[in-house]
Amino acid sequence: HPSVNMVSILSLPLPELSKKLRDGSLPPEHVFYAYVGKALQIATETNCITEYLEESETQLRKASPRKPGLLYGVPVSIKDSINCQGYDSTLGFIKNINKPAAEDSVLVQVLRRQGAIPFVKTNVPQSLISYDCKNIIFGQTRNPLLYTRSPGGSSGGEGALIGGGGSILGFGTDVGGSLRFPAAFCGICALKPTGNRLSKKGVISGVLGQKAVIAAVGPIAKDVESLALCMRALLSEDMFSLDSTVPPLPFNEEVYSGTQPLRIGYYETDFYTMPSPAMRRAVRETKQLLEDAGHTLVPFELTNVDYVVFNFCVRGLFADGGVSFVKKFKGELERGTTGLFFWLARSPNWLKTVLSWIAKPFAPRFSAIVRSMRTNTVDEVWNLHNEIEEFCHQFIAQWKKLNLDVMLCPMLGPALRIGYPQKLTVAVSYTMLYNTLDFPAGVVPVTIVTDEDEEELKGYQGYFRDWWDRTLAKALRGSVGLPVAVQCVALPWQEELCLRFMKEVETL
C-alpha cells in the first residue's frame, strides 16, 4: 500500500487511533496493513508470532462503520492459549498441533463484536508455567529491546510483539505474573484483573482445575489509557451475556477519572527475593513523586512471604505432587531439560520427606520446595484452600487498618537473560502473591537501569545466599538502559482504581 503512511499510523496511541477509525478519518485497511507489516518485521527479529489469522482479512472487508464498536478496526494480538476458532491452542505441546479450536473464546467473541480484528497468535513457553518464552514447536522468543534477554512469560510473544511496536493491543493470561513479567521486561503496561472480571471461557490454563492460585485473562499495551479503553470495551453486555459467571460490572468511569488524593501503601522488598538495586530505586523514586503530587504514602509490612510461596503457590499449583503436570510432558521434553522438578514429581512422598529433611540445614529454600511438592490428600487440599481464604482476609484487614486505597510494590526486573527464568522460579514471589490473593495488579515502566545500579549489583547477595540468589545476580548483570517497572495493586474488583493509580504513576 504505497499510499499508507505507516510511520504516522504506528505512532498513534490507541485512544487516538480508535477515534480516527471510528470517525472514518483513517481507513481500517490502512491501519491493518501497517500493523501486519510491522508485526512481520518484529516476528522476524524476535520470533514472537505462532499463527497469522487469515480470517482477519475477511473480517476487515466486512467491517462496517455503521455502528462501530469501541475497538472498531483495531488489529489485536492473541496469546496462543486463548482459543480462536479454526486455530490450534498448542501451549507449546506437539500433541496439540492440528487440533483447532471449535469456537472463539468469549474474550475473542467480545473483541470481534466491539469491532477489533484479531490478526495473530503469539508464542508461549511449553505448559505456560514459566516466565520465559520457549517451546519445542516454535523455539525461543527474544526480547525486542535486547535479543539476549527473555521477553518474560508466559505471555512472552505478546510482550515482544507489543514492546517492539508490532501490535497496539494484546491479550494474555496470568497465573503467577504471566502478563506482568512480559510487560515489565519489554517496557510496556499490563493489567492482571481479578480472576473473574473478564471471562476465561475458552482460555486454556496451564494446570487444569487448580483453584489455589487464581489465573486471570487481561490486556497488555503501550500505555495505561489503552488498557482502560480495552476494559471499557470488554466490560459490556456482550461479555456478561456470553458468560453468565462473570459479574455484570460495567467499567466504572467515575472511579477511573477520579482526582482525589490517594492513600497508598508501599514496600520495597518482600524479604524473600531481594530486589535488584534498580527495583528498589524504582519504588523509592515513584513513592517520592507520588508524595510530591499530594498523595499519602504509608509503609506496609509484608510478612511470611516464604510461607505463601511454598505452601500456597508451589503446593497449590502442584497439590497432586506435580503428577498431572509432568504427564503433559510425556514424549515432549528436549534432552537435558528433564530437570530436578520432573524427577521430584515422579518421586514418592517418603523420598521427598527424607530429602527435605536432609537439605534443611544448608539449603532451606530447596528443602521447603521439596516438602511442598508432596502429594496431598483431598482433606489436605481442602485445608489448604481454607488457609488461603484466611490469609486473604488477614491481608485485607491489614490493608483496611491502614485505610489504604491502593498499593505500590516492586516488580522483578530488569529482563533476565534468556534461559534464566526457568532456573529462577523462586523469583516469582512479587507477582504470585497477588494471584494467591486474587487482587488486580498492573505494571507500569518507571525508570531504566543506570551505571550506578549496575555497580551496586556487584554486592548483591540475596536473603538466603543460596544457589538461587547467586544465579539471580548473574541473570541481572549487564542491564544498563533496560526498563524497570513497578506494580500497582488494588483490592478485588477494583480494576478501575488500579488503572487510575497506574495512570497517576505513568503521568508522574
Protein backbone atom coordinates (compact mmCIF):
# COMPACT_ATOMS: atom_id res chain seq x y z
CA HIS A 1 0.00 0.00 0.00
CA PRO A 2 2.13 2.90 -1.24
CA SER A 3 -0.49 5.42 -0.09
CA VAL A 4 -0.33 4.23 3.54
CA ASN A 5 1.80 6.35 5.83
CA MET A 6 2.95 3.51 8.08
CA VAL A 7 5.07 5.66 10.37
CA SER A 8 2.28 8.07 11.29
CA ILE A 9 -0.23 5.22 11.82
CA LEU A 10 2.16 3.23 14.03
CA SER A 11 2.95 6.31 16.12
CA LEU A 12 -0.71 6.92 17.09
CA PRO A 13 -1.66 5.88 20.64
CA LEU A 14 -4.65 3.52 20.81
CA PRO A 15 -7.29 6.03 22.04
CA GLU A 16 -6.41 8.37 19.17
CA LEU A 17 -6.17 5.58 16.60
CA SER A 18 -9.56 4.14 17.56
CA LYS A 19 -11.12 7.61 17.45
CA LYS A 20 -9.83 8.15 13.88
CA LEU A 21 -11.06 4.69 12.84
CA ARG A 22 -14.50 5.34 14.31
CA ASP A 23 -14.95 8.78 12.79
CA GLY A 24 -13.80 7.50 9.40
CA SER A 25 -10.69 9.68 9.05
CA LEU A 26 -8.48 6.56 8.87
CA PRO A 27 -9.48 3.57 6.70
CA PRO A 28 -9.27 0.25 8.64
CA GLU A 29 -7.27 -1.42 5.85
CA HIS A 30 -4.51 1.19 6.13
CA VAL A 31 -4.22 0.52 9.87
CA PHE A 32 -4.42 -3.24 9.35
CA TYR A 33 -1.65 -3.44 6.75
CA ALA A 34 0.56 -1.00 8.66
CA TYR A 35 0.43 -3.34 11.67
CA VAL A 36 0.76 -6.54 9.62
CA GLY A 37 3.92 -5.08 8.06
CA LYS A 38 5.37 -4.06 11.41
CA ALA A 39 4.36 -7.36 13.05
CA LEU A 40 6.16 -9.27 10.31
CA GLN A 41 9.33 -7.28 10.97
CA ILE A 42 9.16 -7.81 14.76
CA ALA A 43 8.38 -11.51 14.29
CA THR A 44 11.49 -11.89 12.12
CA GLU A 45 13.58 -10.21 14.81
CA THR A 46 12.13 -11.81 17.95
CA ASN A 47 10.23 -14.97 16.85
CA CYS A 48 7.08 -13.92 18.72
CA ILE A 49 4.23 -14.97 16.37
CA THR A 50 2.90 -18.53 16.01
CA GLU A 51 -0.01 -18.06 13.60
CA TYR A 52 -1.38 -15.45 11.23
CA LEU A 53 -5.20 -15.45 11.44
CA GLU A 54 -6.27 -15.34 7.81
CA GLU A 55 -9.91 -14.66 8.71
CA SER A 56 -8.76 -11.23 9.81
CA GLU A 57 -8.74 -10.16 6.15
CA THR A 58 -12.32 -11.35 5.66
CA GLN A 59 -13.34 -9.54 8.85
CA LEU A 60 -11.58 -6.42 7.58
CA ARG A 61 -13.55 -6.48 4.31
CA LYS A 62 -16.84 -6.96 6.16
CA ALA A 63 -16.13 -4.29 8.80
CA SER A 64 -18.99 -1.81 8.74
CA PRO A 65 -18.62 1.68 10.21
CA ARG A 66 -22.41 1.94 10.63
CA LYS A 67 -22.47 1.07 14.34
CA PRO A 68 -18.79 0.95 15.20
CA GLY A 69 -17.74 -0.73 18.46
CA LEU A 70 -15.21 0.89 20.78
CA LEU A 71 -12.36 -1.03 19.11
CA TYR A 72 -13.64 -0.74 15.53
CA GLY A 73 -10.85 -1.61 13.06
CA VAL A 74 -8.16 -2.10 15.73
CA PRO A 75 -5.86 -5.06 14.95
CA VAL A 76 -5.23 -7.07 18.15
CA SER A 77 -2.87 -9.94 19.02
CA ILE A 78 -3.94 -13.01 20.99
CA LYS A 79 -1.87 -15.35 23.16
CA ASP A 80 -1.56 -18.95 21.93
CA SER A 81 -3.63 -20.33 24.86
CA ILE A 82 -6.71 -18.20 24.09
CA ASN A 83 -8.99 -20.06 21.65
CA CYS A 84 -9.58 -18.64 18.18
CA GLN A 85 -11.91 -20.73 16.04
CA GLY A 86 -10.06 -22.84 13.47
CA TYR A 87 -6.63 -22.41 15.09
CA ASP A 88 -4.56 -24.51 17.49
CA SER A 89 -4.00 -23.52 21.09
CA THR A 90 -0.81 -25.57 21.47
CA LEU A 91 0.57 -24.36 24.82
CA GLY A 92 3.86 -25.35 23.17
CA PHE A 93 2.99 -29.09 23.09
CA ILE A 94 3.34 -31.12 19.89
CA LYS A 95 0.31 -33.24 20.87
CA ASN A 96 -1.89 -30.13 20.50
CA ILE A 97 -0.91 -29.45 16.87
CA ASN A 98 -3.74 -29.83 14.33
CA LYS A 99 -6.43 -29.68 16.98
CA PRO A 100 -8.11 -26.40 16.00
CA ALA A 101 -10.49 -24.76 18.47
CA ALA A 102 -14.15 -25.36 17.62
CA GLU A 103 -15.16 -21.82 18.61
CA ASP A 104 -13.76 -18.48 19.68
CA SER A 105 -13.20 -17.90 23.38
CA VAL A 106 -15.68 -15.45 24.90
CA LEU A 107 -12.89 -12.83 25.02
CA VAL A 108 -12.33 -13.10 21.25
CA GLN A 109 -16.08 -13.07 20.56
CA VAL A 110 -16.48 -9.83 22.55
CA LEU A 111 -13.46 -8.28 20.84
CA ARG A 112 -14.97 -9.06 17.42
CA ARG A 113 -18.34 -7.61 18.47
CA GLN A 114 -16.52 -4.45 19.55
CA GLY A 115 -15.03 -4.24 16.05
CA ALA A 116 -11.48 -5.37 16.91
CA ILE A 117 -9.65 -7.57 14.41
CA PRO A 118 -7.63 -10.42 15.95
CA PHE A 119 -4.81 -10.93 13.43
CA VAL A 120 -2.07 -13.07 15.01
CA LYS A 121 -1.50 -15.60 17.79
CA THR A 122 1.67 -15.29 19.83
CA ASN A 123 4.25 -17.57 21.39
CA VAL A 124 4.29 -19.06 24.90
CA PRO A 125 6.57 -21.33 26.96
CA GLN A 126 5.69 -25.03 26.96
CA SER A 127 2.86 -25.59 29.53
CA LEU A 128 2.59 -21.83 30.36
CA ILE A 129 4.03 -22.44 33.83
CA SER A 130 7.17 -20.39 33.20
CA TYR A 131 8.13 -16.77 32.76
CA ASP A 132 10.43 -17.41 29.82
CA CYS A 133 9.08 -17.98 26.30
CA LYS A 134 10.36 -21.10 24.57
CA ASN A 135 8.87 -24.38 23.38
CA ILE A 136 9.82 -27.24 21.07
CA ILE A 137 7.44 -26.23 18.29
CA PHE A 138 8.23 -22.57 17.79
CA GLY A 139 11.51 -22.15 19.67
CA GLN A 140 12.71 -19.21 21.73
CA THR A 141 11.14 -15.74 21.63
CA ARG A 142 13.59 -12.88 22.20
CA ASN A 143 13.20 -9.51 23.91
CA PRO A 144 12.80 -6.73 21.29
CA LEU A 145 14.92 -4.36 23.43
CA LEU A 146 17.89 -6.74 23.71
CA TYR A 147 17.92 -10.09 21.91
CA THR A 148 20.00 -11.85 24.59
CA ARG A 149 17.22 -11.22 27.12
CA SER A 150 13.96 -13.07 27.76
CA PRO A 151 10.75 -11.21 26.85
CA GLY A 152 9.23 -12.71 30.00
CA GLY A 153 6.34 -15.16 30.02
CA SER A 154 4.13 -16.91 29.74
CA SER A 155 2.55 -14.17 27.57
CA GLY A 156 6.05 -13.60 26.14
CA GLY A 157 5.07 -13.42 22.47
CA GLU A 158 2.62 -10.65 23.38
CA GLY A 159 5.29 -8.74 25.31
CA ALA A 160 7.78 -8.97 22.44
CA LEU A 161 5.27 -8.04 19.72
CA ILE A 162 3.76 -5.05 21.57
CA GLY A 163 7.11 -3.97 23.05
CA GLY A 164 8.51 -3.95 19.50
CA GLY A 165 5.51 -1.99 18.15
CA GLY A 166 4.05 -4.80 16.01
CA SER A 167 0.68 -4.78 17.80
CA ILE A 168 -1.13 -1.98 19.61
CA LEU A 169 -3.20 -4.14 21.96
CA GLY A 170 -2.79 -7.74 23.01
CA PHE A 171 -4.29 -10.28 25.37
CA GLY A 172 -2.66 -12.80 27.65
CA THR A 173 -3.21 -14.74 30.85
CA ASP A 174 -1.55 -14.54 34.26
CA VAL A 175 -1.28 -17.23 36.95
CA GLY A 176 1.96 -16.10 38.59
CA GLY A 177 2.90 -12.96 36.70
CA SER A 178 2.46 -14.17 33.11
CA LEU A 179 1.16 -10.78 31.90
CA ARG A 180 3.22 -8.67 34.28
CA PHE A 181 6.63 -10.22 33.50
CA PRO A 182 6.43 -9.61 29.72
CA ALA A 183 5.19 -6.04 30.28
CA ALA A 184 7.97 -5.27 32.79
CA PHE A 185 10.69 -6.97 30.73
CA CYS A 186 9.63 -5.27 27.47
CA GLY A 187 8.95 -1.81 28.90
CA ILE A 188 5.17 -1.66 28.42
CA CYS A 189 1.98 -1.82 30.56
CA ALA A 190 -0.32 -4.68 31.52
CA LEU A 191 -3.26 -5.32 33.81
CA LYS A 192 -3.99 -8.59 35.58
CA PRO A 193 -7.62 -8.18 36.67
CA THR A 194 -9.38 -10.03 39.49
CA GLY A 195 -9.67 -13.65 38.34
CA ASN A 196 -13.25 -13.50 37.14
CA ARG A 197 -13.63 -9.88 35.97
CA LEU A 198 -13.07 -10.99 32.36
CA SER A 199 -14.32 -14.30 31.01
CA LYS A 200 -11.91 -17.26 30.94
CA LYS A 201 -14.30 -19.40 28.90
CA GLY A 202 -12.31 -20.83 26.00
CA VAL A 203 -8.98 -19.92 27.60
CA ILE A 204 -6.77 -22.96 28.25
CA SER A 205 -4.97 -22.99 31.58
CA GLY A 206 -1.57 -24.46 32.42
CA VAL A 207 -2.83 -26.62 35.30
CA LEU A 208 -6.47 -27.59 34.70
CA GLY A 209 -8.91 -27.38 37.59
CA GLN A 210 -6.39 -25.92 40.04
CA LYS A 211 -8.13 -23.44 42.36
CA ALA A 212 -5.45 -22.34 44.86
CA VAL A 213 -3.62 -19.83 42.66
CA ILE A 214 -6.07 -17.77 40.62
CA ALA A 215 -5.46 -17.21 36.91
CA ALA A 216 -6.78 -14.16 35.08
CA VAL A 217 -7.01 -13.01 31.48
CA GLY A 218 -6.07 -9.39 30.74
CA PRO A 219 -4.78 -6.76 28.31
CA ILE A 220 -1.23 -5.66 27.54
CA ALA A 221 -0.45 -2.39 25.71
CA LYS A 222 1.98 0.54 25.42
CA ASP A 223 0.21 2.78 27.94
CA VAL A 224 -2.44 2.85 30.67
CA GLU A 225 -5.06 4.74 28.67
CA SER A 226 -5.08 1.88 26.14
CA LEU A 227 -5.69 -0.67 28.91
CA ALA A 228 -8.59 1.44 30.20
CA LEU A 229 -10.14 1.73 26.72
CA CYS A 230 -9.84 -2.01 26.34
CA MET A 231 -11.54 -2.70 29.69
CA ARG A 232 -14.34 -0.29 28.74
CA ALA A 233 -14.92 -2.26 25.54
CA LEU A 234 -14.77 -5.69 27.18
CA LEU A 235 -16.91 -4.99 30.26
CA SER A 236 -20.02 -4.85 28.12
CA GLU A 237 -23.39 -6.57 27.88
CA ASP A 238 -21.83 -8.96 25.34
CA MET A 239 -19.35 -10.29 27.89
CA PHE A 240 -22.00 -10.71 30.59
CA SER A 241 -24.47 -12.49 28.32
CA LEU A 242 -21.89 -14.79 26.71
CA ASP A 243 -20.55 -15.85 30.13
CA SER A 244 -23.03 -15.54 32.98
CA THR A 245 -20.38 -16.44 35.57
CA VAL A 246 -18.74 -13.04 35.02
CA PRO A 247 -20.22 -10.44 37.41
CA PRO A 248 -22.13 -7.81 35.40
CA LEU A 249 -19.95 -4.89 36.50
CA PRO A 250 -19.56 -2.35 33.68
CA PHE A 251 -16.47 -0.14 33.64
CA ASN A 252 -16.72 2.49 36.40
CA GLU A 253 -15.79 5.74 34.66
CA GLU A 254 -16.18 7.81 37.81
CA VAL A 255 -13.53 5.85 39.72
CA TYR A 256 -11.10 5.81 36.80
CA SER A 257 -11.28 9.55 36.22
CA GLY A 258 -11.25 10.45 39.95
CA THR A 259 -8.81 13.13 41.11
CA GLN A 260 -8.91 12.97 44.91
CA PRO A 261 -5.52 12.19 46.54
CA LEU A 262 -4.94 8.52 47.33
CA ARG A 263 -3.69 6.71 50.41
CA ILE A 264 -1.03 4.41 49.03
CA GLY A 265 0.64 1.55 50.86
CA TYR A 266 4.14 0.62 49.70
CA TYR A 267 7.04 -1.75 50.37
CA GLU A 268 10.47 -2.04 48.82
CA THR A 269 11.02 -5.72 49.44
CA ASP A 270 9.09 -8.88 50.30
CA PHE A 271 12.09 -10.22 52.29
CA TYR A 272 12.08 -13.30 50.11
CA THR A 273 13.51 -12.22 46.74
CA MET A 274 15.97 -9.41 47.40
CA PRO A 275 15.13 -6.59 44.95
CA SER A 276 17.80 -5.59 42.45
CA PRO A 277 19.16 -2.06 43.07
CA ALA A 278 17.09 -0.77 40.13
CA MET A 279 13.88 -2.34 41.50
CA ARG A 280 14.37 -0.74 44.91
CA ARG A 281 15.15 2.63 43.33
CA ALA A 282 12.07 2.37 41.07
CA VAL A 283 9.81 2.05 44.13
CA ARG A 284 11.62 4.82 46.06
CA GLU A 285 11.52 7.33 43.22
CA THR A 286 7.87 6.56 42.43
CA LYS A 287 6.98 6.94 46.11
CA GLN A 288 8.72 10.33 46.20
CA LEU A 289 6.93 11.58 43.08
CA LEU A 290 3.56 10.44 44.43
CA GLU A 291 4.19 12.23 47.75
CA ASP A 292 5.22 15.39 45.92
CA ALA A 293 1.95 15.19 43.97
CA GLY A 294 -0.08 15.25 47.20
CA HIS A 295 -0.77 11.56 47.81
CA THR A 296 -0.19 9.96 51.24
CA LEU A 297 2.29 7.07 51.33
CA VAL A 298 2.13 4.54 54.13
CA PRO A 299 4.75 1.81 54.69
CA PHE A 300 3.21 -1.68 54.50
CA GLU A 301 4.87 -4.56 56.34
CA LEU A 302 4.83 -7.83 54.39
CA THR A 303 5.31 -10.95 56.47
CA ASN A 304 5.66 -14.67 55.77
CA VAL A 305 6.06 -14.37 52.01
CA ASP A 306 8.23 -17.51 52.06
CA TYR A 307 5.29 -19.38 53.59
CA VAL A 308 2.98 -18.04 50.87
CA VAL A 309 5.41 -19.08 48.11
CA PHE A 310 5.96 -22.64 49.36
CA ASN A 311 2.66 -23.54 51.00
CA PHE A 312 0.18 -21.67 48.84
CA CYS A 313 1.82 -21.23 45.44
CA VAL A 314 4.00 -24.30 44.90
CA ARG A 315 1.81 -26.61 46.94
CA GLY A 316 -1.38 -25.12 45.49
CA LEU A 317 -0.28 -25.46 41.85
CA PHE A 318 1.09 -28.97 42.37
CA ALA A 319 -1.21 -30.37 45.05
CA ASP A 320 -1.07 -33.76 43.32
CA GLY A 321 2.71 -33.73 43.70
CA GLY A 322 3.04 -32.43 40.13
CA VAL A 323 1.82 -35.72 38.62
CA SER A 324 -0.73 -34.30 36.15
CA PHE A 325 1.67 -31.51 35.18
CA VAL A 326 4.51 -33.91 34.39
CA LYS A 327 2.17 -36.23 32.48
CA LYS A 328 1.66 -33.49 29.88
CA PHE A 329 5.36 -33.52 29.05
CA LYS A 330 5.43 -37.21 28.15
CA GLY A 331 7.47 -37.50 24.96
CA GLU A 332 7.65 -33.70 24.71
CA LEU A 333 10.85 -32.91 26.58
CA GLU A 334 14.02 -31.73 24.95
CA ARG A 335 17.01 -33.75 26.03
CA GLY A 336 18.71 -32.36 29.05
CA THR A 337 15.70 -30.48 30.42
CA THR A 338 14.19 -33.30 32.46
CA GLY A 339 15.48 -31.36 35.42
CA LEU A 340 15.07 -31.70 39.12
CA PHE A 341 11.41 -30.73 39.07
CA PHE A 342 10.38 -33.71 36.93
CA TRP A 343 12.46 -36.08 38.99
CA LEU A 344 10.85 -34.73 42.16
CA ALA A 345 7.33 -35.02 40.76
CA ARG A 346 7.98 -38.67 39.96
CA SER A 347 9.42 -39.45 43.43
CA PRO A 348 7.33 -41.00 46.24
CA ASN A 349 6.33 -38.90 49.27
CA TRP A 350 8.69 -40.67 51.67
CA LEU A 351 11.68 -39.79 49.48
CA LYS A 352 10.59 -36.12 49.31
CA THR A 353 10.27 -36.05 53.10
CA VAL A 354 13.74 -37.54 53.61
CA LEU A 355 15.30 -35.23 51.01
CA SER A 356 13.62 -32.18 52.52
CA TRP A 357 14.90 -33.12 55.99
CA ILE A 358 18.49 -33.69 54.76
CA ALA A 359 18.60 -30.41 52.80
CA LYS A 360 17.05 -28.22 55.51
CA PRO A 361 20.23 -27.11 57.38
CA PHE A 362 22.20 -26.00 54.31
CA ALA A 363 19.54 -25.30 51.63
CA PRO A 364 16.37 -24.19 53.44
CA ARG A 365 14.60 -22.97 50.30
CA PHE A 366 15.27 -26.16 48.38
CA SER A 367 14.11 -28.15 51.39
CA ALA A 368 10.83 -26.18 51.56
CA ILE A 369 10.15 -26.65 47.83
CA VAL A 370 10.72 -30.40 48.08
CA ARG A 371 8.36 -30.53 51.06
CA SER A 372 5.65 -28.57 49.24
CA MET A 373 5.86 -30.96 46.26
CA ARG A 374 4.36 -33.82 48.30
CA THR A 375 1.17 -35.45 47.06
CA ASN A 376 -1.78 -34.17 49.12
CA THR A 377 -4.92 -35.95 50.25
CA VAL A 378 -8.29 -34.35 49.47
CA ASP A 379 -8.55 -33.35 53.12
CA GLU A 380 -5.19 -31.54 52.87
CA VAL A 381 -6.23 -29.72 49.70
CA TRP A 382 -9.43 -28.51 51.35
CA ASN A 383 -7.46 -27.31 54.36
CA LEU A 384 -5.10 -25.52 52.01
CA HIS A 385 -7.96 -23.69 50.29
CA ASN A 386 -9.35 -22.72 53.68
CA GLU A 387 -5.94 -21.44 54.79
CA ILE A 388 -5.58 -19.32 51.65
CA GLU A 389 -9.01 -17.76 52.33
CA GLU A 390 -7.96 -16.95 55.89
CA PHE A 391 -4.71 -15.41 54.65
CA CYS A 392 -6.63 -13.27 52.19
CA HIS A 393 -8.95 -11.96 54.93
CA GLN A 394 -5.97 -11.14 57.17
CA PHE A 395 -4.22 -9.30 54.34
CA ILE A 396 -7.34 -7.24 53.63
CA ALA A 397 -7.73 -6.50 57.36
CA GLN A 398 -4.15 -5.15 57.48
CA TRP A 399 -4.91 -3.08 54.33
CA LYS A 400 -8.14 -1.67 55.83
CA LYS A 401 -6.48 -0.93 59.17
CA LEU A 402 -4.09 1.40 57.33
CA ASN A 403 -7.07 2.75 55.40
CA LEU A 404 -5.34 2.23 52.03
CA ASP A 405 -6.78 2.80 48.57
CA VAL A 406 -4.05 1.07 46.60
CA MET A 407 -0.56 -0.40 46.97
CA LEU A 408 2.78 0.33 45.28
CA CYS A 409 5.01 -2.75 45.02
CA PRO A 410 8.26 -3.82 43.37
CA MET A 411 8.24 -5.74 40.10
CA LEU A 412 11.02 -8.16 39.18
CA GLY A 413 13.36 -6.56 36.70
CA PRO A 414 15.18 -5.74 34.52
CA ALA A 415 14.65 -8.54 31.94
CA LEU A 416 16.60 -11.68 32.80
CA ARG A 417 18.97 -13.31 30.34
CA ILE A 418 17.45 -15.99 28.13
CA GLY A 419 17.47 -19.38 29.84
CA TYR A 420 17.50 -17.93 33.35
CA PRO A 421 13.78 -17.71 34.21
CA GLN A 422 13.40 -21.49 34.35
CA LYS A 423 16.29 -21.65 36.82
CA LEU A 424 14.73 -18.91 38.92
CA THR A 425 11.13 -19.93 39.53
CA VAL A 426 11.63 -18.77 43.13
CA ALA A 427 11.79 -15.15 41.91
CA VAL A 428 8.04 -15.02 41.14
CA SER A 429 7.27 -14.02 44.74
CA TYR A 430 6.46 -10.35 43.92
CA THR A 431 3.83 -11.23 41.34
CA MET A 432 2.40 -14.55 42.50
CA LEU A 433 1.35 -13.08 45.85
CA TYR A 434 -1.45 -11.24 44.02
CA ASN A 435 -2.65 -14.36 42.19
CA THR A 436 -2.94 -16.11 45.56
CA LEU A 437 -4.85 -13.11 46.95
CA ASP A 438 -6.74 -12.61 43.66
CA PHE A 439 -6.16 -8.81 43.67
CA PRO A 440 -5.99 -6.78 40.45
CA ALA A 441 -2.38 -5.80 39.72
CA GLY A 442 -0.89 -3.74 36.92
CA VAL A 443 2.62 -2.98 35.75
CA VAL A 444 3.97 0.43 34.65
CA PRO A 445 7.56 1.06 33.49
CA VAL A 446 9.07 3.91 35.53
CA THR A 447 12.85 4.00 35.02
CA ILE A 448 15.84 2.37 33.34
CA VAL A 449 18.89 0.63 34.82
CA THR A 450 21.76 3.07 35.43
CA ASP A 451 25.52 2.55 35.73
CA GLU A 452 25.15 3.11 39.50
CA ASP A 453 22.56 0.30 39.70
CA GLU A 454 24.93 -1.96 37.80
CA GLU A 455 27.80 -1.09 40.15
CA GLU A 456 25.61 -1.71 43.22
CA LEU A 457 24.50 -5.07 41.83
CA LYS A 458 28.06 -6.37 42.31
CA GLY A 459 27.34 -6.51 46.03
CA TYR A 460 24.03 -8.38 45.59
CA GLN A 461 23.82 -11.39 47.90
CA GLY A 462 20.13 -12.06 48.39
CA TYR A 463 18.39 -13.07 51.62
CA PHE A 464 19.23 -16.76 51.53
CA ARG A 465 22.69 -16.54 49.91
CA ASP A 466 21.94 -19.82 48.19
CA TRP A 467 22.37 -21.00 44.59
CA TRP A 468 19.18 -19.17 43.53
CA ASP A 469 20.34 -15.83 44.91
CA ARG A 470 23.71 -16.17 43.16
CA THR A 471 22.00 -17.15 39.91
CA LEU A 472 19.63 -14.19 40.05
CA ALA A 473 22.55 -11.77 40.42
CA LYS A 474 24.11 -13.36 37.31
CA ALA A 475 20.84 -13.16 35.35
CA LEU A 476 20.50 -9.42 36.02
CA ARG A 477 24.04 -8.35 35.09
CA GLY A 478 24.80 -6.11 32.12
CA SER A 479 21.39 -4.42 32.03
CA VAL A 480 22.20 -0.71 31.74
CA GLY A 481 19.45 1.03 29.77
CA LEU A 482 16.82 -1.70 30.19
CA PRO A 483 13.41 -0.70 31.62
CA VAL A 484 12.32 -1.34 35.21
CA ALA A 485 8.68 -1.26 36.31
CA VAL A 486 6.62 -1.06 39.47
CA GLN A 487 3.46 -2.96 40.35
CA CYS A 488 0.22 -1.13 41.18
CA VAL A 489 -2.30 -3.14 43.19
CA ALA A 490 -5.90 -2.63 44.34
CA LEU A 491 -8.48 -4.70 46.23
CA PRO A 492 -10.58 -7.34 44.39
CA TRP A 493 -12.95 -5.99 41.69
CA GLN A 494 -11.31 -2.53 41.83
CA GLU A 495 -9.71 -2.64 38.38
CA GLU A 496 -10.74 0.95 37.68
CA LEU A 497 -8.98 2.20 40.82
CA CYS A 498 -5.94 0.11 39.93
CA LEU A 499 -5.87 1.70 36.45
CA ARG A 500 -6.37 5.17 37.91
CA PHE A 501 -3.34 4.61 40.17
CA MET A 502 -1.33 3.23 37.23
CA LYS A 503 -2.25 6.33 35.21
CA GLU A 504 -1.07 8.53 38.09
CA VAL A 505 2.28 6.71 38.22
CA GLU A 506 2.67 6.84 34.43
CA THR A 507 1.91 10.59 34.32
CA LEU A 508 4.34 11.42 37.15
